[in-house]
Amino acid sequence: MPRMDERQPSPAIAQLQSRVERLLLRHHELLRTNALLSERVQALEAERDQMRQRLHDATQRIDRLLARLDQTSSISGEPDSQA
């Protein structure tokens, strides 16, 4: 009579073991994919924040230029084009 630790697992247990191993492998793959996606999200958020800052800076420069144009128009006595 074979000892307990020498017996081959039943087909159902072998199939279950195979499925568990595949699930563990898939789990590790998903963890890695999630980590890569998280890194990409962080990079895109940083890029977005940088672009927002650049837009803000450009808007401020344009506002300053418009203010200077308004001052120049009023100093030179040119008629207001909106009247």
C-alpha atoms as a PDB file:
ATOM      1  CA  MET A   1       0.000   0.000   0.000  1.00  0.00           C
ATOM      2  CA  PRO A   2       1.487   3.399  -1.003  1.00  0.00           C
ATOM      3  CA  ARG A   3       2.127   5.961   1.641  1.00  0.00           C
ATOM      4  CA  MET A   4      -0.074   9.077   1.738  1.00  0.00           C
ATOM      5  CA  ASP A   5       2.656  11.472   0.616  1.00  0.00           C
ATOM      6  CA  GLU A   6       3.544   9.298  -2.408  1.00  0.00           C
ATOM      7  CA  ARG A   7       0.062   9.162  -3.899  1.00  0.00           C
ATOM      8  CA  GLN A   8      -0.731  11.163  -7.003  1.00  0.00           C
ATOM      9  CA  PRO A   9      -3.368  13.833  -6.478  1.00  0.00           C
ATOM     10  CA  SER A  10      -6.764  13.100  -7.921  1.00  0.00           C
ATOM     11  CA  PRO A  11      -7.511  14.607 -11.344  1.00  0.00           C
ATOM     12  CA  ALA A  12      -9.893  17.108  -9.773  1.00  0.00           C
ATOM     13  CA  ILE A  13      -7.246  18.307  -7.333  1.00  0.00           C
ATOM     14  CA  ALA A  14      -4.607  18.459 -10.080  1.00  0.00           C
ATOM     15  CA  GLN A  15      -6.986  20.520 -12.213  1.00  0.00           C
ATOM     16  CA  LEU A  16      -7.747  22.816  -9.291  1.00  0.00           C
ATOM     17  CA  GLN A  17      -4.050  23.229  -8.561  1.00  0.00           C
ATOM     18  CA  SER A  18      -3.414  24.140 -12.197  1.00  0.00           C
ATOM     19  CA  ARG A  19      -6.194  26.708 -12.158  1.00  0.00           C
ATOM     20  CA  VAL A  20      -4.911  28.248  -8.914  1.00  0.00           C
ATOM     21  CA  GLU A  21      -1.411  28.539 -10.392  1.00  0.00           C
ATOM     22  CA  ARG A  22      -2.811  30.228 -13.519  1.00  0.00           C
ATOM     23  CA  LEU A  23      -4.850  32.601 -11.362  1.00  0.00           C
ATOM     24  CA  LEU A  24      -1.777  33.504  -9.315  1.00  0.00           C
ATOM     25  CA  LEU A  25       0.187  34.177 -12.490  1.00  0.00           C
ATOM     26  CA  ARG A  26      -2.622  36.328 -13.845  1.00  0.00           C
ATOM     27  CA  HIS A  27      -2.833  38.157 -10.526  1.00  0.00           C
ATOM     28  CA  HIS A  28       0.872  39.038 -10.698  1.00  0.00           C
ATOM     29  CA  GLU A  29       0.476  40.171 -14.305  1.00  0.00           C
ATOM     30  CA  LEU A  30      -2.422  42.410 -13.328  1.00  0.00           C
ATOM     31  CA  LEU A  31      -0.452  43.877 -10.425  1.00  0.00           C
ATOM     32  CA  ARG A  32       2.387  44.775 -12.795  1.00  0.00           C
ATOM     33  CA  THR A  33      -0.014  46.218 -15.368  1.00  0.00           C
ATOM     34  CA  ASN A  34      -1.695  48.267 -12.652  1.00  0.00           C
ATOM     35  CA  ALA A  35       1.672  49.594 -11.466  1.00  0.00           C
ATOM     36  CA  LEU A  36       2.604  50.611 -15.024  1.00  0.00           C
ATOM     37  CA  LEU A  37      -0.760  52.300 -15.523  1.00  0.00           C
ATOM     38  CA  SER A  38      -0.411  54.152 -12.219  1.00  0.00           C
ATOM     39  CA  GLU A  39       2.995  55.448 -13.305  1.00  0.00           C
ATOM     40  CA  ARG A  40       1.508  56.596 -16.613  1.00  0.00           C
ATOM     41  CA  VAL A  41      -1.353  58.384 -14.836  1.00  0.00           C
ATOM     42  CA  GLN A  42       1.142  60.202 -12.607  1.00  0.00           C
ATOM     43  CA  ALA A  43       3.198  61.253 -15.636  1.00  0.00           C
ATOM     44  CA  LEU A  44       0.102  62.515 -17.439  1.00  0.00           C
ATOM     45  CA  GLU A  45      -1.078  64.403 -14.356  1.00  0.00           C
ATOM     46  CA  ALA A  46       2.318  66.079 -14.062  1.00  0.00           C
ATOM     47  CA  GLU A  47       2.208  67.003 -17.753  1.00  0.00           C
ATOM     48  CA  ARG A  48      -1.332  68.366 -17.346  1.00  0.00           C
ATOM     49  CA  ASP A  49      -0.292  70.469 -14.355  1.00  0.00           C
ATOM     50  CA  GLN A  50       2.666  71.845 -16.282  1.00  0.00           C
ATOM     51  CA  MET A  51       0.444  72.740 -19.232  1.00  0.00           C
ATOM     52  CA  ARG A  52      -2.057  74.430 -16.915  1.00  0.00           C
ATOM     53  CA  GLN A  53       0.741  76.519 -15.436  1.00  0.00           C
ATOM     54  CA  ARG A  54       2.005  77.457 -18.888  1.00  0.00           C
ATOM     55  CA  LEU A  55      -1.522  78.464 -19.920  1.00  0.00           C
ATOM     56  CA  HIS A  56      -1.895  80.540 -16.758  1.00  0.00           C
ATOM     57  CA  ASP A  57       1.443  82.267 -17.410  1.00  0.00           C
ATOM     58  CA  ALA A  58       0.535  82.964 -21.047  1.00  0.00           C
ATOM     59  CA  THR A  59      -2.858  84.348 -20.017  1.00  0.00           C
ATOM     60  CA  GLN A  60      -1.190  86.696 -17.554  1.00  0.00           C
ATOM     61  CA  ARG A  61       1.245  87.917 -20.226  1.00  0.00           C
ATOM     62  CA  ILE A  62      -1.626  88.569 -22.636  1.00  0.00           C
ATOM     63  CA  ASP A  63      -3.587  90.412 -19.952  1.00  0.00           C
ATOM     64  CA  ARG A  64      -0.559  92.616 -19.228  1.00  0.00           C
ATOM     65  CA  LEU A  65      -0.112  93.352 -22.951  1.00  0.00           C
ATOM     66  CA  LEU A  66      -3.797  94.252 -23.297  1.00  0.00           C
ATOM     67  CA  ALA A  67      -3.537  96.548 -20.287  1.00  0.00           C
ATOM     68  CA  ARG A  68      -0.516  98.254 -21.843  1.00  0.00           C
ATOM     69  CA  LEU A  69      -2.392  98.674 -25.116  1.00  0.00           C
ATOM     70  CA  ASP A  70      -5.303 100.264 -23.261  1.00  0.00           C
ATOM     71  CA  GLN A  71      -2.915 102.658 -21.517  1.00  0.00           C
ATOM     72  CA  THR A  72      -1.200 103.528 -24.798  1.00  0.00           C
ATOM     73  CA  SER A  73      -4.544 104.191 -26.483  1.00  0.00           C
ATOM     74  CA  SER A  74      -5.745 106.495 -23.731  1.00  0.00           C
ATOM     75  CA  ILE A  75      -2.421 108.382 -23.563  1.00  0.00           C
ATOM     76  CA  SER A  76      -2.227 108.996 -27.284  1.00  0.00           C
ATOM     77  CA  GLY A  77      -5.777 110.341 -27.349  1.00  0.00           C
ATOM     78  CA  GLU A  78      -6.990 107.909 -29.949  1.00  0.00           C
ATOM     79  CA  PRO A  79     -10.742 107.577 -30.029  1.00  0.00           C
ATOM     80  CA  ASP A  80     -12.112 104.554 -28.325  1.00  0.00           C
ATOM     81  CA  SER A  81     -12.940 101.950 -30.975  1.00  0.00           C
ATOM     82  CA  GLN A  82     -15.836 100.589 -28.942  1.00  0.00           C
ATOM     83  CA  ALA A  83     -17.786 103.845 -28.860  1.00  0.00           C
END
